[in-house]
Amino acid sequence: MSKSKSDLSLTKRVLLDFVKFKTQNGHQFFASNEYIAKGLDLTENTAKTFVNDLIREGYLYKEIDKRGMRILSLTGKEYKPLFEDLRNFDKKVLKEDRDNFQRDNKYLNQQLEQETAYKEQLLNENTDLVLSNAELTHRVQELEKRVTALENIFYKNGMTKEQLEDLLNK
């Protein structure tokens, strides 16, 4: 029963990539099923099944060393790896995160510039309104002084308050 390179499950391919990574530079892979299970977030029985399947399918070779420890190695049978080089996996993820953060930072800085410009515009409009309000208040005060002065002139000339009200109402 032969499978094509892409018929392996993702988890089995990750397991093969992990063995490949750990056996670089002539190192031996002594990891237990428990260790593999923890690393791949599997049960120990599932990890054992996957290892045995990969051995049976010809992707892994198992031998026992002098101390009775299981050693796993790749047989060289081709499979479609998920990762070409796991050493660069963290670097790749960090680079993508950095690029995303830089893009987000650029966007947020543009938003900040727009909001700052809008705030400045509102402050200028508010200043103009305050100045306009102060000017109108001053004009109203000047008009009130003139009205009071005119009322006093009418009263001095013998006009009563009621006569002045009648005159203003006409």
N, C-alpha and C. Protein backbone atom coordinates (compact mmCIF):
# COMPACT_ATOMS: atom_id res chain seq x y z
N MET A 1 0.86 -1.17 0.00
CA MET A 1 0.00 0.00 0.00
C MET A 1 0.90 1.24 0.00
N SER A 2 1.03 1.82 -1.14
CA SER A 2 1.91 2.97 -1.30
C SER A 2 1.09 4.25 -1.36
N LYS A 3 1.62 5.26 -0.72
CA LYS A 3 0.93 6.55 -0.74
C LYS A 3 1.78 7.54 -1.52
N SER A 4 1.13 8.51 -2.15
CA SER A 4 1.89 9.55 -2.84
C SER A 4 2.45 10.52 -1.81
N LYS A 5 3.35 11.39 -2.28
CA LYS A 5 4.01 12.32 -1.37
C LYS A 5 3.02 13.20 -0.61
N SER A 6 1.90 13.52 -1.22
CA SER A 6 0.97 14.45 -0.58
C SER A 6 -0.16 13.76 0.17
N ASP A 7 -0.19 12.40 0.14
CA ASP A 7 -1.27 11.69 0.82
C ASP A 7 -1.06 11.59 2.33
N LEU A 8 0.11 11.89 2.81
CA LEU A 8 0.35 11.84 4.26
C LEU A 8 -0.42 12.96 4.94
N SER A 9 -0.90 12.68 6.14
CA SER A 9 -1.60 13.72 6.90
C SER A 9 -0.62 14.82 7.29
N LEU A 10 -1.17 15.96 7.59
CA LEU A 10 -0.32 17.08 8.02
C LEU A 10 0.49 16.72 9.26
N THR A 11 -0.14 16.04 10.19
CA THR A 11 0.54 15.69 11.44
C THR A 11 1.69 14.73 11.17
N LYS A 12 1.49 13.77 10.29
CA LYS A 12 2.58 12.84 9.96
C LYS A 12 3.72 13.57 9.25
N ARG A 13 3.37 14.53 8.40
CA ARG A 13 4.40 15.31 7.72
C ARG A 13 5.17 16.18 8.71
N VAL A 14 4.45 16.74 9.69
CA VAL A 14 5.14 17.51 10.73
C VAL A 14 6.08 16.60 11.51
N LEU A 15 5.63 15.41 11.82
CA LEU A 15 6.47 14.45 12.55
C LEU A 15 7.73 14.13 11.74
N LEU A 16 7.57 13.88 10.43
CA LEU A 16 8.74 13.62 9.58
C LEU A 16 9.67 14.84 9.53
N ASP A 17 9.11 16.03 9.42
CA ASP A 17 9.92 17.25 9.43
C ASP A 17 10.66 17.40 10.75
N PHE A 18 10.01 17.03 11.84
CA PHE A 18 10.63 17.13 13.16
C PHE A 18 11.81 16.15 13.26
N VAL A 19 11.61 14.95 12.80
CA VAL A 19 12.71 13.96 12.80
C VAL A 19 13.85 14.46 11.91
N LYS A 20 13.49 14.99 10.74
CA LYS A 20 14.50 15.53 9.82
C LYS A 20 15.30 16.65 10.49
N PHE A 21 14.59 17.54 11.16
CA PHE A 21 15.26 18.66 11.83
C PHE A 21 16.18 18.17 12.94
N LYS A 22 15.70 17.23 13.74
CA LYS A 22 16.47 16.74 14.88
C LYS A 22 17.65 15.87 14.48
N THR A 23 17.62 15.27 13.29
CA THR A 23 18.70 14.37 12.88
C THR A 23 19.70 15.06 11.97
N GLN A 24 19.60 16.36 11.81
CA GLN A 24 20.59 17.10 11.02
C GLN A 24 21.95 16.98 11.70
N ASN A 25 22.99 17.12 10.92
CA ASN A 25 24.36 17.11 11.44
C ASN A 25 24.69 15.81 12.18
N GLY A 26 24.10 14.71 11.77
CA GLY A 26 24.45 13.42 12.33
C GLY A 26 23.89 13.10 13.71
N HIS A 27 22.98 13.91 14.22
CA HIS A 27 22.38 13.62 15.52
C HIS A 27 21.38 12.48 15.39
N GLN A 28 21.16 11.80 16.50
CA GLN A 28 20.19 10.70 16.50
C GLN A 28 18.92 11.16 17.21
N PHE A 29 17.80 10.59 16.77
CA PHE A 29 16.49 10.96 17.30
C PHE A 29 16.04 9.89 18.28
N PHE A 30 16.12 10.22 19.59
CA PHE A 30 15.78 9.29 20.65
C PHE A 30 14.40 9.59 21.26
N ALA A 31 13.67 10.55 20.74
CA ALA A 31 12.44 11.02 21.39
C ALA A 31 11.44 9.88 21.59
N SER A 32 10.85 9.88 22.77
CA SER A 32 9.83 8.87 23.09
C SER A 32 8.50 9.26 22.47
N ASN A 33 7.58 8.32 22.47
CA ASN A 33 6.22 8.62 21.98
C ASN A 33 5.57 9.69 22.84
N GLU A 34 5.87 9.68 24.13
CA GLU A 34 5.31 10.69 25.04
C GLU A 34 5.80 12.08 24.64
N TYR A 35 7.10 12.19 24.35
CA TYR A 35 7.69 13.47 23.94
C TYR A 35 7.08 13.94 22.62
N ILE A 36 6.96 13.03 21.66
CA ILE A 36 6.37 13.37 20.36
C ILE A 36 4.92 13.81 20.56
N ALA A 37 4.19 13.09 21.40
CA ALA A 37 2.78 13.42 21.65
C ALA A 37 2.64 14.82 22.22
N LYS A 38 3.49 15.16 23.19
CA LYS A 38 3.42 16.51 23.78
C LYS A 38 3.75 17.57 22.73
N GLY A 39 4.77 17.32 21.92
CA GLY A 39 5.19 18.29 20.91
C GLY A 39 4.16 18.52 19.83
N LEU A 40 3.41 17.47 19.48
CA LEU A 40 2.41 17.59 18.39
C LEU A 40 0.99 17.69 18.91
N ASP A 41 0.84 17.78 20.23
CA ASP A 41 -0.47 17.90 20.86
C ASP A 41 -1.36 16.71 20.49
N LEU A 42 -0.82 15.50 20.72
CA LEU A 42 -1.53 14.26 20.45
C LEU A 42 -1.58 13.43 21.73
N THR A 43 -2.33 12.36 21.67
CA THR A 43 -2.23 11.40 22.77
C THR A 43 -1.01 10.54 22.51
N GLU A 44 -0.51 9.90 23.54
CA GLU A 44 0.66 9.05 23.38
C GLU A 44 0.37 7.88 22.44
N ASN A 45 -0.84 7.33 22.52
CA ASN A 45 -1.21 6.22 21.64
C ASN A 45 -1.26 6.67 20.18
N THR A 46 -1.76 7.88 19.92
CA THR A 46 -1.80 8.38 18.54
C THR A 46 -0.39 8.59 18.01
N ALA A 47 0.49 9.15 18.84
CA ALA A 47 1.89 9.34 18.43
C ALA A 47 2.51 7.98 18.10
N LYS A 48 2.27 6.98 18.93
CA LYS A 48 2.80 5.62 18.71
C LYS A 48 2.27 5.07 17.38
N THR A 49 0.97 5.26 17.14
CA THR A 49 0.36 4.78 15.89
C THR A 49 1.00 5.47 14.69
N PHE A 50 1.18 6.80 14.77
CA PHE A 50 1.78 7.53 13.66
C PHE A 50 3.20 7.05 13.39
N VAL A 51 3.99 6.88 14.44
CA VAL A 51 5.37 6.41 14.27
C VAL A 51 5.34 5.03 13.61
N ASN A 52 4.52 4.13 14.11
CA ASN A 52 4.45 2.77 13.54
C ASN A 52 3.97 2.81 12.08
N ASP A 53 2.97 3.67 11.79
CA ASP A 53 2.50 3.81 10.41
C ASP A 53 3.63 4.27 9.49
N LEU A 54 4.38 5.27 9.95
CA LEU A 54 5.47 5.81 9.12
C LEU A 54 6.60 4.79 8.94
N ILE A 55 6.80 3.96 9.95
CA ILE A 55 7.79 2.88 9.81
C ILE A 55 7.27 1.86 8.79
N ARG A 56 6.04 1.45 8.94
CA ARG A 56 5.44 0.45 8.06
C ARG A 56 5.36 0.97 6.61
N GLU A 57 5.09 2.28 6.44
CA GLU A 57 4.98 2.87 5.10
C GLU A 57 6.34 3.19 4.48
N GLY A 58 7.40 3.00 5.26
CA GLY A 58 8.74 3.15 4.71
C GLY A 58 9.33 4.55 4.80
N TYR A 59 8.75 5.43 5.60
CA TYR A 59 9.29 6.78 5.77
C TYR A 59 10.29 6.86 6.91
N LEU A 60 10.09 6.05 7.94
CA LEU A 60 10.98 6.04 9.10
C LEU A 60 11.62 4.66 9.24
N TYR A 61 12.83 4.70 9.77
CA TYR A 61 13.54 3.46 10.08
C TYR A 61 13.76 3.46 11.59
N LYS A 62 13.50 2.31 12.22
CA LYS A 62 13.66 2.19 13.66
C LYS A 62 14.75 1.17 13.95
N GLU A 63 15.63 1.57 14.88
CA GLU A 63 16.63 0.63 15.38
C GLU A 63 16.76 0.82 16.88
N ILE A 64 17.35 -0.13 17.54
CA ILE A 64 17.54 -0.09 18.99
C ILE A 64 19.05 -0.01 19.23
N ASP A 65 19.47 0.96 20.05
CA ASP A 65 20.90 1.08 20.33
C ASP A 65 21.32 0.12 21.45
N LYS A 66 22.58 0.19 21.84
CA LYS A 66 23.14 -0.73 22.84
C LYS A 66 22.44 -0.63 24.18
N ARG A 67 21.92 0.55 24.50
CA ARG A 67 21.26 0.75 25.80
C ARG A 67 19.76 0.42 25.74
N GLY A 68 19.29 -0.04 24.60
CA GLY A 68 17.88 -0.40 24.46
C GLY A 68 16.98 0.77 24.09
N MET A 69 17.58 1.90 23.69
CA MET A 69 16.82 3.09 23.30
C MET A 69 16.43 3.00 21.83
N ARG A 70 15.21 3.40 21.53
CA ARG A 70 14.73 3.44 20.15
C ARG A 70 15.35 4.65 19.45
N ILE A 71 15.86 4.42 18.26
CA ILE A 71 16.39 5.50 17.43
C ILE A 71 15.58 5.53 16.14
N LEU A 72 15.03 6.70 15.82
CA LEU A 72 14.28 6.87 14.57
C LEU A 72 15.12 7.68 13.60
N SER A 73 15.05 7.32 12.33
CA SER A 73 15.73 8.10 11.29
C SER A 73 14.88 8.03 10.02
N LEU A 74 15.10 8.98 9.15
CA LEU A 74 14.38 9.00 7.88
C LEU A 74 15.00 7.97 6.95
N THR A 75 14.17 7.32 6.16
CA THR A 75 14.66 6.31 5.22
C THR A 75 15.11 6.93 3.92
N GLY A 76 14.65 8.15 3.66
CA GLY A 76 14.96 8.80 2.39
C GLY A 76 13.80 8.74 1.42
N LYS A 77 12.73 8.04 1.81
CA LYS A 77 11.55 8.02 0.96
C LYS A 77 10.98 9.43 0.89
N GLU A 78 10.66 9.84 -0.33
CA GLU A 78 10.22 11.23 -0.51
C GLU A 78 8.83 11.45 0.06
N TYR A 79 8.66 12.63 0.60
CA TYR A 79 7.36 13.11 1.06
C TYR A 79 7.36 14.61 0.86
N LYS A 80 6.21 15.19 0.89
CA LYS A 80 6.10 16.65 0.70
C LYS A 80 6.25 17.31 2.07
N PRO A 81 7.42 17.88 2.35
CA PRO A 81 7.63 18.48 3.68
C PRO A 81 6.78 19.73 3.86
N LEU A 82 6.40 19.97 5.09
CA LEU A 82 5.67 21.21 5.39
C LEU A 82 6.64 22.36 5.49
N PHE A 83 7.82 22.09 6.04
CA PHE A 83 8.82 23.13 6.26
C PHE A 83 10.14 22.65 5.68
N GLU A 84 10.75 23.49 4.90
CA GLU A 84 12.04 23.12 4.34
C GLU A 84 13.13 23.15 5.40
N ASP A 85 13.07 24.16 6.26
CA ASP A 85 14.11 24.29 7.28
C ASP A 85 13.46 24.84 8.53
N LEU A 86 13.31 24.01 9.55
CA LEU A 86 12.63 24.44 10.77
C LEU A 86 13.44 25.47 11.55
N ARG A 87 14.73 25.59 11.27
CA ARG A 87 15.53 26.61 11.98
C ARG A 87 15.03 28.01 11.64
N ASN A 88 14.53 28.16 10.42
CA ASN A 88 14.06 29.48 10.00
C ASN A 88 12.57 29.69 10.25
N PHE A 89 11.93 28.68 10.82
CA PHE A 89 10.48 28.79 11.05
C PHE A 89 10.17 29.96 11.96
N ASP A 90 10.85 30.05 13.11
CA ASP A 90 10.62 31.16 14.04
C ASP A 90 10.96 32.49 13.39
N LYS A 91 12.05 32.51 12.64
CA LYS A 91 12.46 33.75 11.98
C LYS A 91 11.39 34.19 10.98
N LYS A 92 10.84 33.23 10.23
CA LYS A 92 9.82 33.56 9.24
C LYS A 92 8.58 34.12 9.92
N VAL A 93 8.14 33.46 11.00
CA VAL A 93 6.95 33.93 11.72
C VAL A 93 7.21 35.30 12.32
N LEU A 94 8.38 35.48 12.91
CA LEU A 94 8.71 36.78 13.50
C LEU A 94 8.79 37.87 12.43
N LYS A 95 9.35 37.53 11.27
CA LYS A 95 9.44 38.51 10.18
C LYS A 95 8.03 38.91 9.72
N GLU A 96 7.15 37.91 9.56
CA GLU A 96 5.78 38.22 9.15
C GLU A 96 5.09 39.08 10.20
N ASP A 97 5.28 38.74 11.48
CA ASP A 97 4.70 39.56 12.56
C ASP A 97 5.25 40.97 12.50
N ARG A 98 6.58 41.08 12.33
CA ARG A 98 7.19 42.41 12.25
C ARG A 98 6.61 43.20 11.09
N ASP A 99 6.50 42.56 9.92
CA ASP A 99 5.96 43.24 8.75
C ASP A 99 4.51 43.67 8.99
N ASN A 100 3.73 42.82 9.62
CA ASN A 100 2.35 43.17 9.94
C ASN A 100 2.28 44.33 10.92
N PHE A 101 3.13 44.29 11.95
CA PHE A 101 3.15 45.38 12.93
C PHE A 101 3.59 46.69 12.28
N GLN A 102 4.58 46.61 11.37
CA GLN A 102 5.03 47.83 10.69
C GLN A 102 3.92 48.39 9.81
N ARG A 103 3.20 47.51 9.10
CA ARG A 103 2.09 47.96 8.26
C ARG A 103 1.00 48.59 9.12
N ASP A 104 0.67 47.93 10.23
CA ASP A 104 -0.35 48.47 11.14
C ASP A 104 0.11 49.80 11.72
N ASN A 105 1.38 49.89 12.08
CA ASN A 105 1.93 51.12 12.64
C ASN A 105 1.84 52.27 11.64
N LYS A 106 2.17 51.98 10.38
CA LYS A 106 2.08 53.00 9.33
C LYS A 106 0.63 53.48 9.18
N TYR A 107 -0.29 52.53 9.13
CA TYR A 107 -1.71 52.89 9.00
C TYR A 107 -2.17 53.72 10.19
N LEU A 108 -1.81 53.28 11.41
CA LEU A 108 -2.25 54.01 12.60
C LEU A 108 -1.61 55.40 12.68
N ASN A 109 -0.37 55.53 12.20
CA ASN A 109 0.25 56.86 12.17
C ASN A 109 -0.48 57.78 11.19
N GLN A 110 -0.90 57.22 10.05
CA GLN A 110 -1.69 58.02 9.10
C GLN A 110 -3.01 58.45 9.73
N GLN A 111 -3.64 57.53 10.44
CA GLN A 111 -4.89 57.86 11.12
C GLN A 111 -4.66 58.94 12.17
N LEU A 112 -3.56 58.82 12.90
CA LEU A 112 -3.22 59.82 13.92
C LEU A 112 -3.01 61.19 13.28
N GLU A 113 -2.31 61.22 12.15
CA GLU A 113 -2.09 62.50 11.46
C GLU A 113 -3.42 63.12 11.02
N GLN A 114 -4.31 62.30 10.48
CA GLN A 114 -5.62 62.80 10.05
C GLN A 114 -6.41 63.32 11.24
N GLU A 115 -6.42 62.57 12.32
CA GLU A 115 -7.17 62.99 13.51
C GLU A 115 -6.55 64.24 14.13
N THR A 116 -5.24 64.35 14.10
CA THR A 116 -4.57 65.54 14.62
C THR A 116 -4.92 66.76 13.78
N ALA A 117 -4.92 66.59 12.46
CA ALA A 117 -5.30 67.71 11.58
C ALA A 117 -6.75 68.11 11.82
N TYR A 118 -7.62 67.12 12.01
CA TYR A 118 -9.02 67.42 12.28
C TYR A 118 -9.17 68.15 13.61
N LYS A 119 -8.41 67.71 14.60
CA LYS A 119 -8.44 68.37 15.92
C LYS A 119 -8.00 69.83 15.79
N GLU A 120 -6.93 70.06 15.02
CA GLU A 120 -6.44 71.43 14.81
C GLU A 120 -7.50 72.28 14.12
N GLN A 121 -8.17 71.69 13.13
CA GLN A 121 -9.24 72.41 12.43
C GLN A 121 -10.35 72.78 13.40
N LEU A 122 -10.75 71.83 14.25
CA LEU A 122 -11.80 72.11 15.22
C LEU A 122 -11.37 73.18 16.22
N LEU A 123 -10.11 73.12 16.65
CA LEU A 123 -9.61 74.14 17.58
C LEU A 123 -9.62 75.53 16.94
N ASN A 124 -9.23 75.58 15.68
CA ASN A 124 -9.25 76.87 14.97
C ASN A 124 -10.68 77.39 14.83
N GLU A 125 -11.60 76.49 14.47
CA GLU A 125 -13.00 76.90 14.36
C GLU A 125 -13.53 77.36 15.71
N ASN A 126 -13.18 76.65 16.76
CA ASN A 126 -13.62 77.02 18.11
C ASN A 126 -13.05 78.39 18.49
N THR A 127 -11.79 78.63 18.18
CA THR A 127 -11.17 79.92 18.48
C THR A 127 -11.89 81.03 17.73
N ASP A 128 -12.19 80.76 16.44
CA ASP A 128 -12.92 81.76 15.65
C ASP A 128 -14.29 82.04 16.26
N LEU A 129 -14.98 80.98 16.71
CA LEU A 129 -16.30 81.16 17.32
C LEU A 129 -16.21 81.93 18.64
N VAL A 130 -15.18 81.61 19.42
CA VAL A 130 -15.01 82.33 20.70
C VAL A 130 -14.75 83.80 20.43
N LEU A 131 -13.89 84.10 19.45
CA LEU A 131 -13.61 85.49 19.11
C LEU A 131 -14.86 86.19 18.58
N SER A 132 -15.60 85.48 17.74
CA SER A 132 -16.83 86.04 17.19
C SER A 132 -17.85 86.28 18.31
N ASN A 133 -17.95 85.34 19.23
CA ASN A 133 -18.86 85.49 20.36
C ASN A 133 -18.45 86.67 21.23
N ALA A 134 -17.15 86.84 21.45
CA ALA A 134 -16.67 87.97 22.26
C ALA A 134 -16.98 89.29 21.57
N GLU A 135 -16.82 89.32 20.24
CA GLU A 135 -17.12 90.54 19.49
C GLU A 135 -18.60 90.86 19.56
N LEU A 136 -19.44 89.84 19.41
CA LEU A 136 -20.88 90.07 19.50
C LEU A 136 -21.29 90.51 20.90
N THR A 137 -20.69 89.92 21.92
CA THR A 137 -20.99 90.32 23.30
C THR A 137 -20.61 91.78 23.51
N HIS A 138 -19.46 92.18 22.98
CA HIS A 138 -19.03 93.58 23.10
C HIS A 138 -20.01 94.51 22.38
N ARG A 139 -20.47 94.13 21.19
CA ARG A 139 -21.43 94.96 20.46
C ARG A 139 -22.75 95.07 21.21
N VAL A 140 -23.21 93.95 21.78
CA VAL A 140 -24.46 93.98 22.56
C VAL A 140 -24.30 94.92 23.73
N GLN A 141 -23.16 94.86 24.42
CA GLN A 141 -22.93 95.75 25.57
C GLN A 141 -22.93 97.21 25.13
N GLU A 142 -22.33 97.49 23.98
CA GLU A 142 -22.31 98.86 23.46
C GLU A 142 -23.73 99.33 23.13
N LEU A 143 -24.52 98.45 22.52
CA LEU A 143 -25.90 98.81 22.18
C LEU A 143 -26.72 99.03 23.44
N GLU A 144 -26.50 98.20 24.45
CA GLU A 144 -27.23 98.38 25.72
C GLU A 144 -26.88 99.75 26.34
N LYS A 145 -25.61 100.15 26.25
CA LYS A 145 -25.22 101.46 26.78
C LYS A 145 -25.92 102.58 26.01
N ARG A 146 -26.02 102.45 24.69
CA ARG A 146 -26.66 103.46 23.88
C ARG A 146 -28.16 103.53 24.18
N VAL A 147 -28.80 102.36 24.32
CA VAL A 147 -30.23 102.34 24.64
C VAL A 147 -30.47 103.01 25.99
N THR A 148 -29.63 102.69 26.96
CA THR A 148 -29.77 103.29 28.29
C THR A 148 -29.58 104.81 28.19
N ALA A 149 -28.61 105.25 27.40
CA ALA A 149 -28.37 106.69 27.23
C ALA A 149 -29.58 107.35 26.57
N LEU A 150 -30.17 106.70 25.56
CA LEU A 150 -31.35 107.26 24.90
C LEU A 150 -32.54 107.30 25.85
N GLU A 151 -32.73 106.25 26.64
CA GLU A 151 -33.83 106.24 27.61
C GLU A 151 -33.68 107.41 28.59
N ASN A 152 -32.45 107.63 29.04
CA ASN A 152 -32.22 108.73 29.98
C ASN A 152 -32.53 110.09 29.35
N ILE A 153 -32.20 110.23 28.07
CA ILE A 153 -32.51 111.50 27.38
C ILE A 153 -34.02 111.69 27.33
N PHE A 154 -34.78 110.63 26.98
CA PHE A 154 -36.23 110.75 26.92
C PHE A 154 -36.82 111.07 28.29
N TYR A 155 -36.31 110.41 29.33
CA TYR A 155 -36.83 110.65 30.68
C TYR A 155 -36.54 112.08 31.12
N LYS A 156 -35.37 112.62 30.73
CA LYS A 156 -35.03 113.98 31.12
C LYS A 156 -35.94 115.00 30.42
N ASN A 157 -36.39 114.65 29.27
CA ASN A 157 -37.28 115.53 28.53
C ASN A 157 -38.75 115.35 28.91
N GLY A 158 -38.99 114.65 29.99
CA GLY A 158 -40.32 114.56 30.55
C GLY A 158 -41.16 113.39 30.07
N MET A 159 -40.60 112.43 29.37
CA MET A 159 -41.37 111.28 28.90
C MET A 159 -41.41 110.24 30.03
N THR A 160 -42.59 109.64 30.17
CA THR A 160 -42.71 108.60 31.19
C THR A 160 -42.33 107.25 30.58
N LYS A 161 -42.19 106.29 31.46
CA LYS A 161 -41.81 104.94 31.04
C LYS A 161 -42.90 104.35 30.13
N GLU A 162 -44.18 104.61 30.48
CA GLU A 162 -45.29 104.08 29.69
C GLU A 162 -45.31 104.72 28.30
N GLN A 163 -45.03 106.02 28.21
CA GLN A 163 -45.02 106.71 26.92
C GLN A 163 -43.87 106.18 26.04
N LEU A 164 -42.73 105.90 26.68
CA LEU A 164 -41.59 105.35 25.94
C LEU A 164 -41.91 103.96 25.41
N GLU A 165 -42.59 103.13 26.21
CA GLU A 165 -43.00 101.78 25.78
C GLU A 165 -43.96 101.87 24.60
N ASP A 166 -44.93 102.82 24.68
CA ASP A 166 -45.86 103.00 23.56
C ASP A 166 -45.14 103.41 22.31
N LEU A 167 -44.18 104.31 22.44
CA LEU A 167 -43.41 104.77 21.28
C LEU A 167 -42.63 103.62 20.66
N LEU A 168 -42.01 102.79 21.47
CA LEU A 168 -41.23 101.66 20.98
C LEU A 168 -42.11 100.59 20.32
N ASN A 169 -43.34 100.42 20.82
CA ASN A 169 -44.24 99.42 20.27
C ASN A 169 -44.82 99.84 18.92
N LYS A 170 -44.81 101.14 18.58
CA LYS A 170 -45.37 101.63 17.31
C LYS A 170 -44.39 101.45 16.25
